[in-house]
Amino acid sequence: MKTKKLLLSAIVIFAVSITGCSKSDECDILSVKDGDKVWAKKGTDFEGTYAKDDNLSNVNLTIKVSSGATYAPKGPYNFVKDGNITLTVTSKSGKKTQKFNLKPKT
């Protein structure tokens, strides 16, 4: 009986530690918004649609990433000067990174 309890405890501890590690390694962009305008996700690209006369030289985006993850560079973004922007998202653990592209369309 004592062996079964020890085995069960070990399994629970192992399962909890695996779950904790995988969540700390998440590095995804969950959403990109410009005000009420939601950018579309296509793989590792996010596309926002703008009118031809919209000012894309000082765009403040709201970017939501995985819990505890961080991203760089921070905005505001100058798509006129820089073109498409590549963001690097780093997981909470710091062990994993992923790159995403911000692509405005007119």
PDB file of N, CA and C in Angstrom:
ATOM      1  N   MET A   1       0.821  -1.185   0.000  1.00  0.00           N
ATOM      2  CA  MET A   1       0.000   0.000   0.000  1.00  0.00           C
ATOM      3  C   MET A   1       0.874   1.261   0.000  1.00  0.00           C
ATOM      4  N   LYS A   2       1.946   1.247   0.817  1.00  0.00           N
ATOM      5  CA  LYS A   2       2.845   2.393   0.889  1.00  0.00           C
ATOM      6  C   LYS A   2       3.534   2.616  -0.449  1.00  0.00           C
ATOM      7  N   THR A   3       3.877   1.544  -1.148  1.00  0.00           N
ATOM      8  CA  THR A   3       4.518   1.645  -2.449  1.00  0.00           C
ATOM      9  C   THR A   3       3.577   2.280  -3.463  1.00  0.00           C
ATOM     10  N   LYS A   4       2.304   1.926  -3.425  1.00  0.00           N
ATOM     11  CA  LYS A   4       1.318   2.498  -4.348  1.00  0.00           C
ATOM     12  C   LYS A   4       1.164   3.998  -4.115  1.00  0.00           C
ATOM     13  N   LYS A   5       1.152   4.420  -2.845  1.00  0.00           N
ATOM     14  CA  LYS A   5       1.024   5.842  -2.528  1.00  0.00           C
ATOM     15  C   LYS A   5       2.249   6.614  -3.025  1.00  0.00           C
ATOM     16  N   LEU A   6       3.432   6.034  -2.822  1.00  0.00           N
ATOM     17  CA  LEU A   6       4.651   6.685  -3.297  1.00  0.00           C
ATOM     18  C   LEU A   6       4.655   6.797  -4.822  1.00  0.00           C
ATOM     19  N   LEU A   7       4.254   5.740  -5.486  1.00  0.00           N
ATOM     20  CA  LEU A   7       4.199   5.744  -6.943  1.00  0.00           C
ATOM     21  C   LEU A   7       3.202   6.778  -7.443  1.00  0.00           C
ATOM     22  N   LEU A   8       2.025   6.826  -6.831  1.00  0.00           N
ATOM     23  CA  LEU A   8       1.010   7.796  -7.213  1.00  0.00           C
ATOM     24  C   LEU A   8       1.512   9.224  -6.974  1.00  0.00           C
ATOM     25  N   SER A   9       2.160   9.455  -5.873  1.00  0.00           N
ATOM     26  CA  SER A   9       2.723  10.781  -5.578  1.00  0.00           C
ATOM     27  C   SER A   9       3.764  11.174  -6.613  1.00  0.00           C
ATOM     28  N   ALA A  10       4.610  10.244  -6.963  1.00  0.00           N
ATOM     29  CA  ALA A  10       5.639  10.521  -7.967  1.00  0.00           C
ATOM     30  C   ALA A  10       5.018  10.862  -9.316  1.00  0.00           C
ATOM     31  N   ILE A  11       3.969  10.158  -9.701  1.00  0.00           N
ATOM     32  CA  ILE A  11       3.286  10.422 -10.969  1.00  0.00           C
ATOM     33  C   ILE A  11       2.658  11.815 -10.954  1.00  0.00           C
ATOM     34  N   VAL A  12       2.007  12.171  -9.860  1.00  0.00           N
ATOM     35  CA  VAL A  12       1.376  13.492  -9.750  1.00  0.00           C
ATOM     36  C   VAL A  12       2.435  14.593  -9.827  1.00  0.00           C
ATOM     37  N   ILE A  13       3.518  14.447  -9.103  1.00  0.00           N
ATOM     38  CA  ILE A  13       4.587  15.456  -9.126  1.00  0.00           C
ATOM     39  C   ILE A  13       5.168  15.577 -10.532  1.00  0.00           C
ATOM     40  N   PHE A  14       5.380  14.468 -11.206  1.00  0.00           N
ATOM     41  CA  PHE A  14       5.913  14.480 -12.563  1.00  0.00           C
ATOM     42  C   PHE A  14       4.952  15.200 -13.510  1.00  0.00           C
ATOM     43  N   ALA A  15       3.659  14.886 -13.410  1.00  0.00           N
ATOM     44  CA  ALA A  15       2.657  15.507 -14.281  1.00  0.00           C
ATOM     45  C   ALA A  15       2.583  17.013 -14.062  1.00  0.00           C
ATOM     46  N   VAL A  16       2.625  17.433 -12.821  1.00  0.00           N
ATOM     47  CA  VAL A  16       2.585  18.862 -12.510  1.00  0.00           C
ATOM     48  C   VAL A  16       3.833  19.560 -13.030  1.00  0.00           C
ATOM     49  N   SER A  17       4.979  18.934 -12.879  1.00  0.00           N
ATOM     50  CA  SER A  17       6.212  19.579 -13.347  1.00  0.00           C
ATOM     51  C   SER A  17       6.255  19.684 -14.862  1.00  0.00           C
ATOM     52  N   ILE A  18       5.738  18.704 -15.580  1.00  0.00           N
ATOM     53  CA  ILE A  18       5.685  18.779 -17.048  1.00  0.00           C
ATOM     54  C   ILE A  18       4.761  19.895 -17.486  1.00  0.00           C
ATOM     55  N   THR A  19       3.599  19.989 -16.893  1.00  0.00           N
ATOM     56  CA  THR A  19       2.641  21.029 -17.239  1.00  0.00           C
ATOM     57  C   THR A  19       3.236  22.406 -16.968  1.00  0.00           C
ATOM     58  N   GLY A  20       3.875  22.582 -15.840  1.00  0.00           N
ATOM     59  CA  GLY A  20       4.483  23.867 -15.501  1.00  0.00           C
ATOM     60  C   GLY A  20       5.566  24.262 -16.486  1.00  0.00           C
ATOM     61  N   CYS A  21       6.381  23.334 -16.899  1.00  0.00           N
ATOM     62  CA  CYS A  21       7.461  23.643 -17.833  1.00  0.00           C
ATOM     63  C   CYS A  21       6.909  24.041 -19.193  1.00  0.00           C
ATOM     64  N   SER A  22       5.922  23.331 -19.677  1.00  0.00           N
ATOM     65  CA  SER A  22       5.419  23.640 -21.012  1.00  0.00           C
ATOM     66  C   SER A  22       4.770  25.015 -21.047  1.00  0.00           C
ATOM     67  N   LYS A  23       4.065  25.422 -19.991  1.00  0.00           N
ATOM     68  CA  LYS A  23       3.438  26.741 -19.969  1.00  0.00           C
ATOM     69  C   LYS A  23       4.491  27.828 -19.888  1.00  0.00           C
ATOM     70  N   SER A  24       5.587  27.606 -19.193  1.00  0.00           N
ATOM     71  CA  SER A  24       6.612  28.638 -19.074  1.00  0.00           C
ATOM     72  C   SER A  24       7.412  28.774 -20.366  1.00  0.00           C
ATOM     73  N   ASP A  25       7.280  27.823 -21.286  1.00  0.00           N
ATOM     74  CA  ASP A  25       7.988  27.885 -22.561  1.00  0.00           C
ATOM     75  C   ASP A  25       7.111  28.387 -23.711  1.00  0.00           C
ATOM     76  N   GLU A  26       5.857  28.791 -23.422  1.00  0.00           N
ATOM     77  CA  GLU A  26       4.984  29.298 -24.483  1.00  0.00           C
ATOM     78  C   GLU A  26       5.460  30.678 -24.912  1.00  0.00           C
ATOM     79  N   CYS A  27       5.517  30.884 -26.213  1.00  0.00           N
ATOM     80  CA  CYS A  27       5.940  32.189 -26.737  1.00  0.00           C
ATOM     81  C   CYS A  27       5.177  32.462 -28.037  1.00  0.00           C
ATOM     82  N   ASP A  28       3.933  32.798 -27.867  1.00  0.00           N
ATOM     83  CA  ASP A  28       3.056  33.030 -29.007  1.00  0.00           C
ATOM     84  C   ASP A  28       2.446  34.421 -28.904  1.00  0.00           C
ATOM     85  N   ILE A  29       2.112  34.994 -30.034  1.00  0.00           N
ATOM     86  CA  ILE A  29       1.305  36.210 -30.046  1.00  0.00           C
ATOM     87  C   ILE A  29      -0.137  35.753 -30.153  1.00  0.00           C
ATOM     88  N   LEU A  30      -0.945  36.176 -29.193  1.00  0.00           N
ATOM     89  CA  LEU A  30      -2.346  35.775 -29.152  1.00  0.00           C
ATOM     90  C   LEU A  30      -3.221  36.719 -29.968  1.00  0.00           C
ATOM     91  N   SER A  31      -2.886  38.005 -29.978  1.00  0.00           N
ATOM     92  CA  SER A  31      -3.660  38.957 -30.772  1.00  0.00           C
ATOM     93  C   SER A  31      -2.872  40.233 -30.994  1.00  0.00           C
ATOM     94  N   VAL A  32      -3.212  40.900 -32.104  1.00  0.00           N
ATOM     95  CA  VAL A  32      -2.668  42.218 -32.436  1.00  0.00           C
ATOM     96  C   VAL A  32      -3.849  43.088 -32.802  1.00  0.00           C
ATOM     97  N   LYS A  33      -3.929  44.269 -32.178  1.00  0.00           N
ATOM     98  CA  LYS A  33      -5.035  45.185 -32.447  1.00  0.00           C
ATOM     99  C   LYS A  33      -4.510  46.600 -32.599  1.00  0.00           C
ATOM    100  N   ASP A  34      -5.195  47.353 -33.445  1.00  0.00           N
ATOM    101  CA  ASP A  34      -4.993  48.790 -33.570  1.00  0.00           C
ATOM    102  C   ASP A  34      -6.340  49.423 -33.245  1.00  0.00           C
ATOM    103  N   GLY A  35      -6.520  49.812 -31.993  1.00  0.00           N
ATOM    104  CA  GLY A  35      -7.835  50.277 -31.543  1.00  0.00           C
ATOM    105  C   GLY A  35      -8.809  49.113 -31.600  1.00  0.00           C
ATOM    106  N   ASP A  36      -9.882  49.272 -32.367  1.00  0.00           N
ATOM    107  CA  ASP A  36     -10.870  48.200 -32.537  1.00  0.00           C
ATOM    108  C   ASP A  36     -10.538  47.285 -33.710  1.00  0.00           C
ATOM    109  N   LYS A  37      -9.531  47.644 -34.472  1.00  0.00           N
ATOM    110  CA  LYS A  37      -9.151  46.883 -35.670  1.00  0.00           C
ATOM    111  C   LYS A  37      -8.264  45.700 -35.279  1.00  0.00           C
ATOM    112  N   VAL A  38      -8.757  44.493 -35.506  1.00  0.00           N
ATOM    113  CA  VAL A  38      -8.012  43.272 -35.186  1.00  0.00           C
ATOM    114  C   VAL A  38      -7.211  42.846 -36.408  1.00  0.00           C
ATOM    115  N   TRP A  39      -5.941  42.601 -36.204  1.00  0.00           N
ATOM    116  CA  TRP A  39      -5.092  42.117 -37.289  1.00  0.00           C
ATOM    117  C   TRP A  39      -5.297  40.616 -37.452  1.00  0.00           C
ATOM    118  N   ALA A  40      -5.243  40.139 -38.694  1.00  0.00           N
ATOM    119  CA  ALA A  40      -5.447  38.719 -39.006  1.00  0.00           C
ATOM    120  C   ALA A  40      -4.133  37.950 -38.848  1.00  0.00           C
ATOM    121  N   LYS A  41      -4.226  36.784 -38.218  1.00  0.00           N
ATOM    122  CA  LYS A  41      -3.054  35.919 -38.055  1.00  0.00           C
ATOM    123  C   LYS A  41      -3.009  34.909 -39.187  1.00  0.00           C
ATOM    124  N   LYS A  42      -1.843  34.838 -39.841  1.00  0.00           N
ATOM    125  CA  LYS A  42      -1.607  33.870 -40.918  1.00  0.00           C
ATOM    126  C   LYS A  42      -0.254  33.230 -40.659  1.00  0.00           C
ATOM    127  N   GLY A  43      -0.271  32.138 -39.926  1.00  0.00           N
ATOM    128  CA  GLY A  43       0.986  31.483 -39.546  1.00  0.00           C
ATOM    129  C   GLY A  43       1.734  32.342 -38.543  1.00  0.00           C
ATOM    130  N   THR A  44       2.923  32.793 -38.918  1.00  0.00           N
ATOM    131  CA  THR A  44       3.690  33.686 -38.048  1.00  0.00           C
ATOM    132  C   THR A  44       3.580  35.144 -38.501  1.00  0.00           C
ATOM    133  N   ASP A  45       2.654  35.416 -39.426  1.00  0.00           N
ATOM    134  CA  ASP A  45       2.412  36.781 -39.892  1.00  0.00           C
ATOM    135  C   ASP A  45       1.108  37.319 -39.326  1.00  0.00           C
ATOM    136  N   PHE A  46       1.111  38.605 -39.003  1.00  0.00           N
ATOM    137  CA  PHE A  46      -0.103  39.313 -38.640  1.00  0.00           C
ATOM    138  C   PHE A  46      -0.280  40.436 -39.645  1.00  0.00           C
ATOM    139  N   GLU A  47      -1.482  40.528 -40.232  1.00  0.00           N
ATOM    140  CA  GLU A  47      -1.756  41.538 -41.249  1.00  0.00           C
ATOM    141  C   GLU A  47      -2.890  42.441 -40.792  1.00  0.00           C
ATOM    142  N   GLY A  48      -2.643  43.745 -40.910  1.00  0.00           N
ATOM    143  CA  GLY A  48      -3.668  44.744 -40.614  1.00  0.00           C
ATOM    144  C   GLY A  48      -3.984  45.509 -41.893  1.00  0.00           C
ATOM    145  N   THR A  49      -5.255  45.727 -42.145  1.00  0.00           N
ATOM    146  CA  THR A  49      -5.669  46.421 -43.364  1.00  0.00           C
ATOM    147  C   THR A  49      -5.943  47.892 -43.062  1.00  0.00           C
ATOM    148  N   TYR A  50      -5.366  48.756 -43.886  1.00  0.00           N
ATOM    149  CA  TYR A  50      -5.492  50.200 -43.726  1.00  0.00           C
ATOM    150  C   TYR A  50      -5.879  50.841 -45.050  1.00  0.00           C
ATOM    151  N   ALA A  51      -6.486  52.019 -44.957  1.00  0.00           N
ATOM    152  CA  ALA A  51      -6.781  52.812 -46.152  1.00  0.00           C
ATOM    153  C   ALA A  51      -5.479  53.439 -46.648  1.00  0.00           C
ATOM    154  N   LYS A  52      -5.412  53.779 -47.937  1.00  0.00           N
ATOM    155  CA  LYS A  52      -4.182  54.339 -48.516  1.00  0.00           C
ATOM    156  C   LYS A  52      -3.764  55.639 -47.849  1.00  0.00           C
ATOM    157  N   ASP A  53      -4.722  56.415 -47.336  1.00  0.00           N
ATOM    158  CA  ASP A  53      -4.377  57.695 -46.730  1.00  0.00           C
ATOM    159  C   ASP A  53      -4.157  57.612 -45.215  1.00  0.00           C
ATOM    160  N   ASP A  54      -4.201  56.412 -44.620  1.00  0.00           N
ATOM    161  CA  ASP A  54      -3.935  56.255 -43.186  1.00  0.00           C
ATOM    162  C   ASP A  54      -2.451  56.505 -42.901  1.00  0.00           C
ATOM    163  N   ASN A  55      -2.165  57.142 -41.777  1.00  0.00           N
ATOM    164  CA  ASN A  55      -0.799  57.420 -41.369  1.00  0.00           C
ATOM    165  C   ASN A  55      -0.205  56.175 -40.715  1.00  0.00           C
ATOM    166  N   LEU A  56       0.771  55.577 -41.362  1.00  0.00           N
ATOM    167  CA  LEU A  56       1.420  54.366 -40.836  1.00  0.00           C
ATOM    168  C   LEU A  56       2.814  54.648 -40.282  1.00  0.00           C
ATOM    169  N   SER A  57       3.073  55.920 -39.976  1.00  0.00           N
ATOM    170  CA  SER A  57       4.395  56.265 -39.461  1.00  0.00           C
ATOM    171  C   SER A  57       4.462  56.301 -37.932  1.00  0.00           C
ATOM    172  N   ASN A  58       3.311  56.129 -37.255  1.00  0.00           N
ATOM    173  CA  ASN A  58       3.300  56.159 -35.797  1.00  0.00           C
ATOM    174  C   ASN A  58       2.125  55.310 -35.299  1.00  0.00           C
ATOM    175  N   VAL A  59       2.239  53.991 -35.463  1.00  0.00           N
ATOM    176  CA  VAL A  59       1.141  53.073 -35.171  1.00  0.00           C
ATOM    177  C   VAL A  59       1.348  52.449 -33.791  1.00  0.00           C
ATOM    178  N   ASN A  60       0.382  52.680 -32.907  1.00  0.00           N
ATOM    179  CA  ASN A  60       0.399  52.082 -31.570  1.00  0.00           C
ATOM    180  C   ASN A  60      -0.484  50.841 -31.586  1.00  0.00           C
ATOM    181  N   LEU A  61       0.123  49.695 -31.475  1.00  0.00           N
ATOM    182  CA  LEU A  61      -0.613  48.430 -31.479  1.00  0.00           C
ATOM    183  C   LEU A  61      -0.726  47.878 -30.063  1.00  0.00           C
ATOM    184  N   THR A  62      -1.818  47.173 -29.815  1.00  0.00           N
ATOM    185  CA  THR A  62      -1.975  46.418 -28.585  1.00  0.00           C
ATOM    186  C   THR A  62      -1.659  44.966 -28.929  1.00  0.00           C
ATOM    187  N   ILE A  63      -0.594  44.450 -28.352  1.00  0.00           N
ATOM    188  CA  ILE A  63      -0.128  43.096 -28.668  1.00  0.00           C
ATOM    189  C   ILE A  63      -0.229  42.240 -27.418  1.00  0.00           C
ATOM    190  N   LYS A  64      -0.987  41.151 -27.521  1.00  0.00           N
ATOM    191  CA  LYS A  64      -1.157  40.229 -26.395  1.00  0.00           C
ATOM    192  C   LYS A  64      -0.354  38.965 -26.693  1.00  0.00           C
ATOM    193  N   VAL A  65       0.513  38.592 -25.737  1.00  0.00           N
ATOM    194  CA  VAL A  65       1.361  37.407 -25.901  1.00  0.00           C
ATOM    195  C   VAL A  65       1.017  36.374 -24.834  1.00  0.00           C
ATOM    196  N   SER A  66       1.594  35.194 -24.960  1.00  0.00           N
ATOM    197  CA  SER A  66       1.409  34.121 -23.976  1.00  0.00           C
ATOM    198  C   SER A  66       1.725  34.629 -22.579  1.00  0.00           C
ATOM    199  N   SER A  67       1.077  34.031 -21.590  1.00  0.00           N
ATOM    200  CA  SER A  67       1.239  34.441 -20.196  1.00  0.00           C
ATOM    201  C   SER A  67       2.706  34.410 -19.783  1.00  0.00           C
ATOM    202  N   GLY A  68       3.199  35.548 -19.313  1.00  0.00           N
ATOM    203  CA  GLY A  68       4.573  35.644 -18.838  1.00  0.00           C
ATOM    204  C   GLY A  68       5.597  35.896 -19.922  1.00  0.00           C
ATOM    205  N   ALA A  69       5.208  35.764 -21.188  1.00  0.00           N
ATOM    206  CA  ALA A  69       6.135  35.996 -22.291  1.00  0.00           C
ATOM    207  C   ALA A  69       6.314  37.499 -22.498  1.00  0.00           C
ATOM    208  N   THR A  70       7.397  37.863 -23.167  1.00  0.00           N
ATOM    209  CA  THR A  70       7.672  39.252 -23.517  1.00  0.00           C
ATOM    210  C   THR A  70       7.958  39.336 -25.006  1.00  0.00           C
ATOM    211  N   TYR A  71       7.899  40.565 -25.554  1.00  0.00           N
ATOM    212  CA  TYR A  71       8.218  40.740 -26.966  1.00  0.00           C
ATOM    213  C   TYR A  71       9.024  42.016 -27.164  1.00  0.00           C
ATOM    214  N   ALA A  72       9.756  42.045 -28.273  1.00  0.00           N
ATOM    215  CA  ALA A  72      10.543  43.220 -28.654  1.00  0.00           C
ATOM    216  C   ALA A  72      10.607  43.262 -30.177  1.00  0.00           C
ATOM    217  N   PRO A  73      10.694  44.400 -30.783  1.00  0.00           N
ATOM    218  CA  PRO A  73      10.688  45.723 -30.177  1.00  0.00           C
ATOM    219  C   PRO A  73       9.274  46.164 -29.815  1.00  0.00           C
ATOM    220  N   LYS A  74       9.204  47.087 -28.867  1.00  0.00           N
ATOM    221  CA  LYS A  74       7.941  47.703 -28.478  1.00  0.00           C
ATOM    222  C   LYS A  74       7.649  48.856 -29.444  1.00  0.00           C
ATOM    223  N   GLY A  75       6.377  49.218 -29.561  1.00  0.00           N
ATOM    224  CA  GLY A  75       5.962  50.312 -30.437  1.00  0.00           C
ATOM    225  C   GLY A  75       6.102  51.652 -29.756  1.00  0.00           C
ATOM    226  N   PRO A  76       5.676  52.731 -30.400  1.00  0.00           N
ATOM    227  CA  PRO A  76       4.933  52.737 -31.658  1.00  0.00           C
ATOM    228  C   PRO A  76       5.828  52.343 -32.839  1.00  0.00           C
ATOM    229  N   TYR A  77       5.154  51.860 -33.906  1.00  0.00           N
ATOM    230  CA  TYR A  77       5.852  51.329 -35.073  1.00  0.00           C
ATOM    231  C   TYR A  77       5.738  52.290 -36.244  1.00  0.00           C
ATOM    232  N   ASN A  78       6.836  52.429 -36.976  1.00  0.00           N
ATOM    233  CA  ASN A  78       6.873  53.277 -38.167  1.00  0.00           C
ATOM    234  C   ASN A  78       6.973  52.370 -39.388  1.00  0.00           C
ATOM    235  N   PHE A  79       5.817  51.975 -39.931  1.00  0.00           N
ATOM    236  CA  PHE A  79       5.804  51.078 -41.080  1.00  0.00           C
ATOM    237  C   PHE A  79       6.218  51.790 -42.364  1.00  0.00           C
ATOM    238  N   VAL A  80       6.140  53.124 -42.393  1.00  0.00           N
ATOM    239  CA  VAL A  80       6.579  53.885 -43.568  1.00  0.00           C
ATOM    240  C   VAL A  80       8.094  53.789 -43.689  1.00  0.00           C
ATOM    241  N   LYS A  81       8.794  54.035 -42.607  1.00  0.00           N
ATOM    242  CA  LYS A  81      10.265  54.008 -42.597  1.00  0.00           C
ATOM    243  C   LYS A  81      10.809  52.581 -42.576  1.00  0.00           C
ATOM    244  N   ASP A  82      10.229  51.724 -41.734  1.00  0.00           N
ATOM    245  CA  ASP A  82      10.795  50.394 -41.482  1.00  0.00           C
ATOM    246  C   ASP A  82      10.198  49.275 -42.319  1.00  0.00           C
ATOM    247  N   GLY A  83       9.064  49.512 -42.974  1.00  0.00           N
ATOM    248  CA  GLY A  83       8.387  48.433 -43.697  1.00  0.00           C
ATOM    249  C   GLY A  83       7.774  47.459 -42.704  1.00  0.00           C
ATOM    250  N   ASN A  84       7.790  46.185 -43.022  1.00  0.00           N
ATOM    251  CA  ASN A  84       7.270  45.174 -42.096  1.00  0.00           C
ATOM    252  C   ASN A  84       8.167  45.109 -40.868  1.00  0.00           C
ATOM    253  N   ILE A  85       7.558  44.806 -39.728  1.00  0.00           N
ATOM    254  CA  ILE A  85       8.292  44.734 -38.460  1.00  0.00           C
ATOM    255  C   ILE A  85       8.334  43.275 -38.007  1.00  0.00           C
ATOM    256  N   THR A  86       9.504  42.820 -37.586  1.00  0.00           N
ATOM    257  CA  THR A  86       9.639  41.478 -37.020  1.00  0.00           C
ATOM    258  C   THR A  86       9.722  41.595 -35.508  1.00  0.00           C
ATOM    259  N   LEU A  87       8.790  40.919 -34.835  1.00  0.00           N
ATOM    260  CA  LEU A  87       8.794  40.876 -33.369  1.00  0.00           C
ATOM    261  C   LEU A  87       9.388  39.551 -32.922  1.00  0.00           C
ATOM    262  N   THR A  88      10.152  39.585 -31.854  1.00  0.00           N
ATOM    263  CA  THR A  88      10.662  38.368 -31.233  1.00  0.00           C
ATOM    264  C   THR A  88       9.966  38.206 -29.889  1.00  0.00           C
ATOM    265  N   VAL A  89       9.279  37.079 -29.724  1.00  0.00           N
ATOM    266  CA  VAL A  89       8.589  36.773 -28.477  1.00  0.00           C
ATOM    267  C   VAL A  89       9.456  35.771 -27.714  1.00  0.00           C
ATOM    268  N   THR A  90       9.707  36.079 -26.437  1.00  0.00           N
ATOM    269  CA  THR A  90      10.519  35.223 -25.575  1.00  0.00           C
ATOM    270  C   THR A  90       9.633  34.637 -24.482  1.00  0.00           C
ATOM    271  N   SER A  91       9.727  33.328 -24.295  1.00  0.00           N
ATOM    272  CA  SER A  91       8.909  32.644 -23.288  1.00  0.00           C
ATOM    273  C   SER A  91       9.254  33.123 -21.886  1.00  0.00           C
ATOM    274  N   LYS A  92       8.359  32.855 -20.960  1.00  0.00           N
ATOM    275  CA  LYS A  92       8.557  33.226 -19.553  1.00  0.00           C
ATOM    276  C   LYS A  92       9.851  32.636 -19.006  1.00  0.00           C
ATOM    277  N   SER A  93      10.156  31.401 -19.392  1.00  0.00           N
ATOM    278  CA  SER A  93      11.370  30.743 -18.910  1.00  0.00           C
ATOM    279  C   SER A  93      12.632  31.308 -19.562  1.00  0.00           C
ATOM    280  N   GLY A  94      12.464  32.009 -20.682  1.00  0.00           N
ATOM    281  CA  GLY A  94      13.614  32.529 -21.418  1.00  0.00           C
ATOM    282  C   GLY A  94      14.292  31.491 -22.292  1.00  0.00           C
ATOM    283  N   LYS A  95      13.776  30.266 -22.306  1.00  0.00           N
ATOM    284  CA  LYS A  95      14.401  29.175 -23.046  1.00  0.00           C
ATOM    285  C   LYS A  95      13.975  29.105 -24.507  1.00  0.00           C
ATOM    286  N   LYS A  96      12.878  29.765 -24.850  1.00  0.00           N
ATOM    287  CA  LYS A  96      12.342  29.624 -26.196  1.00  0.00           C
ATOM    288  C   LYS A  96      11.977  30.996 -26.756  1.00  0.00           C
ATOM    289  N   THR A  97      12.258  31.199 -28.048  1.00  0.00           N
ATOM    290  CA  THR A  97      11.858  32.422 -28.731  1.00  0.00           C
ATOM    291  C   THR A  97      11.165  32.054 -30.035  1.00  0.00           C
ATOM    292  N   GLN A  98      10.352  32.978 -30.518  1.00  0.00           N
ATOM    293  CA  GLN A  98       9.692  32.798 -31.805  1.00  0.00           C
ATOM    294  C   GLN A  98       9.545  34.162 -32.454  1.00  0.00           C
ATOM    295  N   LYS A  99       9.721  34.204 -33.771  1.00  0.00           N
ATOM    296  CA  LYS A  99       9.619  35.454 -34.516  1.00  0.00           C
ATOM    297  C   LYS A  99       8.276  35.542 -35.242  1.00  0.00           C
ATOM    298  N   PHE A 100       7.720  36.756 -35.262  1.00  0.00           N
ATOM    299  CA  PHE A 100       6.452  37.045 -35.936  1.00  0.00           C
ATOM    300  C   PHE A 100       6.630  38.317 -36.756  1.00  0.00           C
ATOM    301  N   ASN A 101       5.916  38.397 -37.873  1.00  0.00           N
ATOM    302  CA  ASN A 101       6.002  39.565 -38.739  1.00  0.00           C
ATOM    303  C   ASN A 101       4.697  40.360 -38.680  1.00  0.00           C
ATOM    304  N   LEU A 102       4.831  41.692 -38.540  1.00  0.00           N
ATOM    305  CA  LEU A 102       3.700  42.592 -38.600  1.00  0.00           C
ATOM    306  C   LEU A 102       3.692  43.208 -39.989  1.00  0.00           C
ATOM    307  N   LYS A 103       2.602  43.009 -40.729  1.00  0.00           N
ATOM    308  CA  LYS A 103       2.522  43.454 -42.120  1.00  0.00           C
ATOM    309  C   LYS A 103       1.255  44.257 -42.360  1.00  0.00           C
ATOM    310  N   PRO A 104       1.360  45.582 -42.407  1.00  0.00           N
ATOM    311  CA  PRO A 104       0.176  46.374 -42.744  1.00  0.00           C
ATOM    312  C   PRO A 104      -0.094  46.287 -44.248  1.00  0.00           C
ATOM    313  N   LYS A 105      -1.385  46.240 -44.612  1.00  0.00           N
ATOM    314  CA  LYS A 105      -1.757  46.210 -46.022  1.00  0.00           C
ATOM    315  C   LYS A 105      -2.622  47.437 -46.313  1.00  0.00           C
ATOM    316  N   THR A 106      -2.410  48.015 -47.485  1.00  0.00           N
ATOM    317  CA  THR A 106      -3.250  49.134 -47.910  1.00  0.00           C
ATOM    318  C   THR A 106      -4.001  48.775 -49.171  1.00  0.00           C
TER     319      THR A 106
END
